[in-house]
Structure formats: C-alpha cells, structure tokens
PDB file of N, CA and C in Angstrom:
ATOM      1  N   UNK A   1     -89.884 -42.321  72.094  1.00  0.00           N
ATOM      2  CA  UNK A   1     -89.746 -40.940  72.624  1.00  0.00           C
ATOM      3  C   UNK A   1     -88.792 -39.611  72.648  1.00  0.00           C
ATOM      4  N   UNK A   2     -87.361 -39.919  73.089  1.00  0.00           N
ATOM      5  CA  UNK A   2     -86.367 -39.543  73.101  1.00  0.00           C
ATOM      6  C   UNK A   2     -86.380 -38.542  72.114  1.00  0.00           C
ATOM      7  N   UNK A   3     -85.915 -39.773  71.141  1.00  0.00           N
ATOM      8  CA  UNK A   3     -85.391 -38.839  69.910  1.00  0.00           C
ATOM      9  C   UNK A   3     -86.399 -37.962  69.343  1.00  0.00           C
ATOM     10  N   UNK A   4     -87.747 -38.442  69.577  1.00  0.00           N
ATOM     11  CA  UNK A   4     -88.400 -37.059  68.840  1.00  0.00           C
ATOM     12  C   UNK A   4     -88.228 -35.980  69.425  1.00  0.00           C
ATOM     13  N   UNK A   5     -88.575 -35.892  70.792  1.00  0.00           N
ATOM     14  CA  UNK A   5     -88.334 -34.751  71.884  1.00  0.00           C
ATOM     15  C   UNK A   5     -86.611 -34.348  71.605  1.00  0.00           C
ATOM     16  N   UNK A   6     -86.393 -35.196  71.016  1.00  0.00           N
ATOM     17  CA  UNK A   6     -84.727 -34.059  70.456  1.00  0.00           C
ATOM     18  C   UNK A   6     -84.819 -33.186  69.050  1.00  0.00           C
ATOM     19  N   UNK A   7     -85.665 -33.756  68.739  1.00  0.00           N
ATOM     20  CA  UNK A   7     -86.291 -33.629  67.073  1.00  0.00           C
ATOM     21  C   UNK A   7     -86.139 -31.941  67.514  1.00  0.00           C
ATOM     22  N   UNK A   8     -87.066 -32.236  68.271  1.00  0.00           N
ATOM     23  CA  UNK A   8     -88.433 -31.096  68.298  1.00  0.00           C
ATOM     24  C   UNK A   8     -87.138 -29.576  69.033  1.00  0.00           C
ATOM     25  N   UNK A   9     -86.774 -29.831  69.728  1.00  0.00           N
ATOM     26  CA  UNK A   9     -85.711 -29.110  70.569  1.00  0.00           C
ATOM     27  C   UNK A   9     -85.031 -28.639  69.404  1.00  0.00           C
ATOM     28  N   UNK A  10     -83.951 -29.682  68.337  1.00  0.00           N
ATOM     29  CA  UNK A  10     -83.275 -28.698  67.295  1.00  0.00           C
ATOM     30  C   UNK A  10     -83.856 -27.925  66.766  1.00  0.00           C
ATOM     31  N   UNK A  11     -85.515 -28.599  66.475  1.00  0.00           N
ATOM     32  CA  UNK A  11     -85.769 -27.524  65.326  1.00  0.00           C
ATOM     33  C   UNK A  11     -86.870 -26.133  65.828  1.00  0.00           C
ATOM     34  N   UNK A  12     -86.782 -26.148  67.597  1.00  0.00           N
ATOM     35  CA  UNK A  12     -86.876 -24.830  67.852  1.00  0.00           C
ATOM     36  C   UNK A  12     -85.850 -24.587  67.684  1.00  0.00           C
ATOM     37  N   UNK A  13     -84.407 -24.701  68.498  1.00  0.00           N
ATOM     38  CA  UNK A  13     -83.472 -24.197  68.392  1.00  0.00           C
ATOM     39  C   UNK A  13     -82.664 -23.534  66.927  1.00  0.00           C
ATOM     40  N   UNK A  14     -83.639 -24.040  66.131  1.00  0.00           N
ATOM     41  CA  UNK A  14     -83.058 -23.724  64.559  1.00  0.00           C
ATOM     42  C   UNK A  14     -83.469 -22.329  64.462  1.00  0.00           C
ATOM     43  N   UNK A  15     -85.241 -22.684  64.653  1.00  0.00           N
ATOM     44  CA  UNK A  15     -86.405 -21.294  64.643  1.00  0.00           C
ATOM     45  C   UNK A  15     -86.121 -20.230  65.298  1.00  0.00           C
ATOM     46  N   UNK A  16     -84.958 -20.008  66.732  1.00  0.00           N
ATOM     47  CA  UNK A  16     -84.295 -19.805  67.270  1.00  0.00           C
ATOM     48  C   UNK A  16     -83.353 -18.625  67.143  1.00  0.00           C
ATOM     49  N   UNK A  17     -82.312 -19.772  66.382  1.00  0.00           N
ATOM     50  CA  UNK A  17     -81.740 -18.864  65.842  1.00  0.00           C
ATOM     51  C   UNK A  17     -81.876 -18.295  64.235  1.00  0.00           C
ATOM     52  N   UNK A  18     -82.568 -18.723  63.422  1.00  0.00           N
ATOM     53  CA  UNK A  18     -83.448 -18.149  61.810  1.00  0.00           C
ATOM     54  C   UNK A  18     -83.849 -16.995  62.180  1.00  0.00           C
ATOM     55  N   UNK A  19     -84.674 -16.465  63.051  1.00  0.00           N
ATOM     56  CA  UNK A  19     -85.271 -15.335  64.263  1.00  0.00           C
ATOM     57  C   UNK A  19     -84.618 -14.452  64.630  1.00  0.00           C
ATOM     58  N   UNK A  20     -83.442 -14.727  64.744  1.00  0.00           N
ATOM     59  CA  UNK A  20     -82.018 -13.819  65.677  1.00  0.00           C
ATOM     60  C   UNK A  20     -81.951 -13.259  64.501  1.00  0.00           C
ATOM     61  N   UNK A  21     -81.396 -14.441  63.809  1.00  0.00           N
ATOM     62  CA  UNK A  21     -80.179 -13.679  62.430  1.00  0.00           C
ATOM     63  C   UNK A  21     -81.357 -12.418  61.404  1.00  0.00           C
ATOM     64  N   UNK A  22     -82.277 -13.133  61.382  1.00  0.00           N
ATOM     65  CA  UNK A  22     -83.303 -12.153  60.135  1.00  0.00           C
ATOM     66  C   UNK A  22     -83.445 -10.804  61.089  1.00  0.00           C
ATOM     67  N   UNK A  23     -84.179 -10.387  62.660  1.00  0.00           N
ATOM     68  CA  UNK A  23     -84.152  -9.795  62.651  1.00  0.00           C
ATOM     69  C   UNK A  23     -82.585  -8.542  62.686  1.00  0.00           C
ATOM     70  N   UNK A  24     -81.667  -9.495  62.940  1.00  0.00           N
ATOM     71  CA  UNK A  24     -80.609  -8.542  63.261  1.00  0.00           C
ATOM     72  C   UNK A  24     -80.307  -7.795  61.809  1.00  0.00           C
ATOM     73  N   UNK A  25     -80.119  -8.679  60.835  1.00  0.00           N
ATOM     74  CA  UNK A  25     -80.103  -8.474  58.993  1.00  0.00           C
ATOM     75  C   UNK A  25     -81.270  -6.984  59.116  1.00  0.00           C
ATOM     76  N   UNK A  26     -82.550  -7.185  59.368  1.00  0.00           N
ATOM     77  CA  UNK A  26     -83.535  -6.235  59.440  1.00  0.00           C
ATOM     78  C   UNK A  26     -82.902  -4.654  59.754  1.00  0.00           C
ATOM     79  N   UNK A  27     -82.484  -4.902  60.795  1.00  0.00           N
ATOM     80  CA  UNK A  27     -81.954  -4.203  61.645  1.00  0.00           C
ATOM     81  C   UNK A  27     -80.733  -3.416  60.662  1.00  0.00           C
ATOM     82  N   UNK A  28     -80.117  -4.040  60.459  1.00  0.00           N
ATOM     83  CA  UNK A  28     -79.074  -3.735  59.441  1.00  0.00           C
ATOM     84  C   UNK A  28     -78.993  -3.152  59.015  1.00  0.00           C
ATOM     85  N   UNK A  29     -79.738  -4.087  57.727  1.00  0.00           N
ATOM     86  CA  UNK A  29     -80.532  -3.183  56.748  1.00  0.00           C
ATOM     87  C   UNK A  29     -81.334  -1.611  56.920  1.00  0.00           C
ATOM     88  N   UNK A  30     -82.285  -0.535  58.134  1.00  0.00           N
ATOM     89  CA  UNK A  30     -82.895  -0.425  58.410  1.00  0.00           C
ATOM     90  C   UNK A  30     -81.459   0.568  58.382  1.00  0.00           C
ATOM     91  N   UNK A  31     -81.394   0.563  59.095  1.00  0.00           N
ATOM     92  CA  UNK A  31     -80.030   1.973  59.577  1.00  0.00           C
ATOM     93  C   UNK A  31     -79.710   2.555  58.294  1.00  0.00           C
ATOM     94  N   UNK A  32     -78.822   1.377  56.814  1.00  0.00           N
ATOM     95  CA  UNK A  32     -77.998   1.301  55.947  1.00  0.00           C
ATOM     96  C   UNK A  32     -78.708   2.719  54.883  1.00  0.00           C
ATOM     97  N   UNK A  33     -80.311   1.906  54.998  1.00  0.00           N
ATOM     98  CA  UNK A  33     -81.183   2.706  53.976  1.00  0.00           C
ATOM     99  C   UNK A  33     -81.122   4.066  54.959  1.00  0.00           C
ATOM    100  N   UNK A  34     -81.899   4.153  56.180  1.00  0.00           N
ATOM    101  CA  UNK A  34     -81.619   5.726  56.966  1.00  0.00           C
ATOM    102  C   UNK A  34     -81.352   6.404  56.658  1.00  0.00           C
ATOM    103  N   UNK A  35     -79.809   6.071  56.499  1.00  0.00           N
ATOM    104  CA  UNK A  35     -78.446   6.529  56.715  1.00  0.00           C
ATOM    105  C   UNK A  35     -78.111   7.863  55.577  1.00  0.00           C
ATOM    106  N   UNK A  36     -78.655   7.698  54.466  1.00  0.00           N
ATOM    107  CA  UNK A  36     -78.535   7.480  53.633  1.00  0.00           C
ATOM    108  C   UNK A  36     -79.448   8.774  52.279  1.00  0.00           C
ATOM    109  N   UNK A  37     -79.543   9.569  52.090  1.00  0.00           N
ATOM    110  CA  UNK A  37     -80.037  10.559  51.566  1.00  0.00           C
ATOM    111  C   UNK A  37     -79.465  10.766  49.727  1.00  0.00           C
ATOM    112  N   UNK A  38     -80.340  11.420  48.999  1.00  0.00           N
ATOM    113  CA  UNK A  38     -79.749  11.818  47.877  1.00  0.00           C
ATOM    114  C   UNK A  38     -80.109  13.710  47.321  1.00  0.00           C
ATOM    115  N   UNK A  39     -78.894  14.305  47.004  1.00  0.00           N
ATOM    116  CA  UNK A  39     -79.181  15.927  46.682  1.00  0.00           C
ATOM    117  C   UNK A  39     -78.377  15.865  45.633  1.00  0.00           C
ATOM    118  N   UNK A  40     -79.245  16.889  44.940  1.00  0.00           N
ATOM    119  CA  UNK A  40     -78.513  17.118  43.951  1.00  0.00           C
ATOM    120  C   UNK A  40     -77.890  18.747  43.641  1.00  0.00           C
ATOM    121  N   UNK A  41     -76.714  17.949  42.892  1.00  0.00           N
ATOM    122  CA  UNK A  41     -75.375  19.001  43.402  1.00  0.00           C
ATOM    123  C   UNK A  41     -74.728  19.514  41.924  1.00  0.00           C
ATOM    124  N   UNK A  42     -73.727  20.969  42.043  1.00  0.00           N
ATOM    125  CA  UNK A  42     -73.154  20.833  40.777  1.00  0.00           C
ATOM    126  C   UNK A  42     -73.812  21.174  39.302  1.00  0.00           C
ATOM    127  N   UNK A  43     -73.142  21.619  39.134  1.00  0.00           N
ATOM    128  CA  UNK A  43     -73.657  22.227  37.362  1.00  0.00           C
ATOM    129  C   UNK A  43     -74.764  21.657  36.912  1.00  0.00           C
ATOM    130  N   UNK A  44     -74.415  20.923  36.505  1.00  0.00           N
ATOM    131  CA  UNK A  44     -75.105  19.426  36.565  1.00  0.00           C
ATOM    132  C   UNK A  44     -76.248  19.003  36.588  1.00  0.00           C
ATOM    133  N   UNK A  45     -76.473  19.293  38.057  1.00  0.00           N
ATOM    134  CA  UNK A  45     -76.880  18.864  39.099  1.00  0.00           C
ATOM    135  C   UNK A  45     -77.495  17.476  38.709  1.00  0.00           C
ATOM    136  N   UNK A  46     -76.387  16.477  39.343  1.00  0.00           N
ATOM    137  CA  UNK A  46     -76.209  15.003  39.474  1.00  0.00           C
ATOM    138  C   UNK A  46     -76.828  14.813  40.994  1.00  0.00           C
ATOM    139  N   UNK A  47     -77.682  13.379  40.904  1.00  0.00           N
ATOM    140  CA  UNK A  47     -77.584  13.133  42.408  1.00  0.00           C
ATOM    141  C   UNK A  47     -76.111  12.654  43.153  1.00  0.00           C
ATOM    142  N   UNK A  48     -76.734  13.006  43.998  1.00  0.00           N
ATOM    143  CA  UNK A  48     -75.202  12.773  44.109  1.00  0.00           C
ATOM    144  C   UNK A  48     -75.592  12.543  46.518  1.00  0.00           C
ATOM    145  N   UNK A  49     -74.788  11.114  46.570  1.00  0.00           N
ATOM    146  CA  UNK A  49     -75.256  10.624  47.652  1.00  0.00           C
ATOM    147  C   UNK A  49     -75.097  11.224  49.371  1.00  0.00           C
ATOM    148  N   UNK A  50     -75.830  11.095  50.255  1.00  0.00           N
ATOM    149  CA  UNK A  50     -75.107  11.913  51.103  1.00  0.00           C
ATOM    150  C   UNK A  50     -75.236  11.186  52.873  1.00  0.00           C
ATOM    151  N   UNK A  51     -74.273  10.890  52.911  1.00  0.00           N
ATOM    152  CA  UNK A  51     -74.055  10.040  54.274  1.00  0.00           C
ATOM    153  C   UNK A  51     -74.759  11.124  55.274  1.00  0.00           C
ATOM    154  N   UNK A  52     -76.003  11.440  56.047  1.00  0.00           N
ATOM    155  CA  UNK A  52     -76.494  11.821  56.669  1.00  0.00           C
ATOM    156  C   UNK A  52     -75.492  11.932  58.529  1.00  0.00           C
ATOM    157  N   UNK A  53     -74.591  10.677  58.767  1.00  0.00           N
ATOM    158  CA  UNK A  53     -73.943  10.755  59.578  1.00  0.00           C
ATOM    159  C   UNK A  53     -72.403  11.787  59.298  1.00  0.00           C
ATOM    160  N   UNK A  54     -72.055  11.390  58.056  1.00  0.00           N
ATOM    161  CA  UNK A  54     -71.250  12.215  57.090  1.00  0.00           C
ATOM    162  C   UNK A  54     -71.560  13.733  57.777  1.00  0.00           C
ATOM    163  N   UNK A  55     -72.626  14.060  56.857  1.00  0.00           N
ATOM    164  CA  UNK A  55     -73.444  15.623  56.727  1.00  0.00           C
ATOM    165  C   UNK A  55     -73.226  16.647  58.411  1.00  0.00           C
ATOM    166  N   UNK A  56     -73.481  15.380  59.240  1.00  0.00           N
ATOM    167  CA  UNK A  56     -73.330  15.547  60.818  1.00  0.00           C
ATOM    168  C   UNK A  56     -72.096  16.320  61.255  1.00  0.00           C
ATOM    169  N   UNK A  57     -71.296  15.210  60.782  1.00  0.00           N
ATOM    170  CA  UNK A  57     -69.683  15.215  61.574  1.00  0.00           C
ATOM    171  C   UNK A  57     -68.626  16.364  60.751  1.00  0.00           C
ATOM    172  N   UNK A  58     -69.789  17.527  59.496  1.00  0.00           N
ATOM    173  CA  UNK A  58     -68.672  17.949  58.444  1.00  0.00           C
ATOM    174  C   UNK A  58     -68.336  19.247  58.536  1.00  0.00           C
ATOM    175  N   UNK A  59     -66.978  19.254  58.692  1.00  0.00           N
ATOM    176  CA  UNK A  59     -66.602  21.310  58.675  1.00  0.00           C
ATOM    177  C   UNK A  59     -67.295  21.987  58.043  1.00  0.00           C
ATOM    178  N   UNK A  60     -67.095  23.452  58.199  1.00  0.00           N
ATOM    179  CA  UNK A  60     -68.442  24.197  58.089  1.00  0.00           C
ATOM    180  C   UNK A  60     -67.308  24.936  56.742  1.00  0.00           C
ATOM    181  N   UNK A  61     -67.905  24.873  55.041  1.00  0.00           N
ATOM    182  CA  UNK A  61     -67.677  25.248  54.110  1.00  0.00           C
ATOM    183  C   UNK A  61     -66.476  26.675  54.320  1.00  0.00           C
ATOM    184  N   UNK A  62     -65.598  26.900  53.348  1.00  0.00           N
ATOM    185  CA  UNK A  62     -64.545  27.568  53.104  1.00  0.00           C
ATOM    186  C   UNK A  62     -65.489  28.902  52.726  1.00  0.00           C
ATOM    187  N   UNK A  63     -66.130  28.113  51.821  1.00  0.00           N
ATOM    188  CA  UNK A  63     -66.512  29.661  51.602  1.00  0.00           C
ATOM    189  C   UNK A  63     -67.819  30.416  52.810  1.00  0.00           C
ATOM    190  N   UNK A  64     -67.973  29.435  52.953  1.00  0.00           N
ATOM    191  CA  UNK A  64     -68.938  30.267  54.677  1.00  0.00           C
ATOM    192  C   UNK A  64     -68.686  31.269  55.213  1.00  0.00           C
ATOM    193  N   UNK A  65     -67.225  31.163  55.113  1.00  0.00           N
ATOM    194  CA  UNK A  65     -66.399  31.123  56.511  1.00  0.00           C
ATOM    195  C   UNK A  65     -65.068  31.933  56.063  1.00  0.00           C
ATOM    196  N   UNK A  66     -65.243  32.664  54.784  1.00  0.00           N
ATOM    197  CA  UNK A  66     -65.289  33.262  53.801  1.00  0.00           C
ATOM    198  C   UNK A  66     -65.712  35.031  53.811  1.00  0.00           C
ATOM    199  N   UNK A  67     -67.300  34.402  53.334  1.00  0.00           N
ATOM    200  CA  UNK A  67     -68.681  35.371  53.495  1.00  0.00           C
ATOM    201  C   UNK A  67     -68.321  35.984  54.631  1.00  0.00           C
ATOM    202  N   UNK A  68     -68.192  35.041  56.173  1.00  0.00           N
ATOM    203  CA  UNK A  68     -68.570  35.868  57.316  1.00  0.00           C
ATOM    204  C   UNK A  68     -66.984  36.803  57.572  1.00  0.00           C
ATOM    205  N   UNK A  69     -66.372  36.378  57.347  1.00  0.00           N
ATOM    206  CA  UNK A  69     -64.514  36.977  57.840  1.00  0.00           C
ATOM    207  C   UNK A  69     -64.556  38.726  56.905  1.00  0.00           C
ATOM    208  N   UNK A  70     -65.098  38.601  55.121  1.00  0.00           N
ATOM    209  CA  UNK A  70     -65.730  39.856  54.448  1.00  0.00           C
ATOM    210  C   UNK A  70     -66.649  40.259  55.360  1.00  0.00           C
ATOM    211  N   UNK A  71     -67.515  40.000  55.749  1.00  0.00           N
ATOM    212  CA  UNK A  71     -68.735  40.786  56.380  1.00  0.00           C
ATOM    213  C   UNK A  71     -67.941  41.801  57.376  1.00  0.00           C
ATOM    214  N   UNK A  72     -67.610  41.230  58.195  1.00  0.00           N
ATOM    215  CA  UNK A  72     -66.644  41.476  59.336  1.00  0.00           C
ATOM    216  C   UNK A  72     -65.695  43.002  59.602  1.00  0.00           C
TER     217      UNK A  72
END
C-alpha cells in the first residue's frame, strides 16, 4: 500500500506543478497581448506595432513643442 500512496503523491505533485506552470504561462501571454496595439502610420498608412508601456513613457514629440513655442 505504501508504494501506491507514493505514486498518488508523486502524481499530485506533478499535477500541481503543471497547473502552476500553465497559470504562469497564461499570465505572461495575457500581459504580452494586452501591452501591444496597432496603429496606421506614415504616408502609406502601414500598420505599426505600438507598445502601450513605451507610449506611456514616450517624450513629447519635437513638433508639438515647436508649435507651442511658435504660438507664444
């Protein structure tokens, strides 16, 4: 009976590890998918990937600053 109990304990451990790995992988993929969006850019309106985390940290474009300086 002890060998059978060990087998069940090992299987339970493997199943718990599998669930943890799958949950971590799904969270990683969900974060990667949600952090990227697409927008059309340029003269030919090509699709360009825009990382939302980078967009939040991006500096103000120089053209916007020039327009504000010229208006004042």
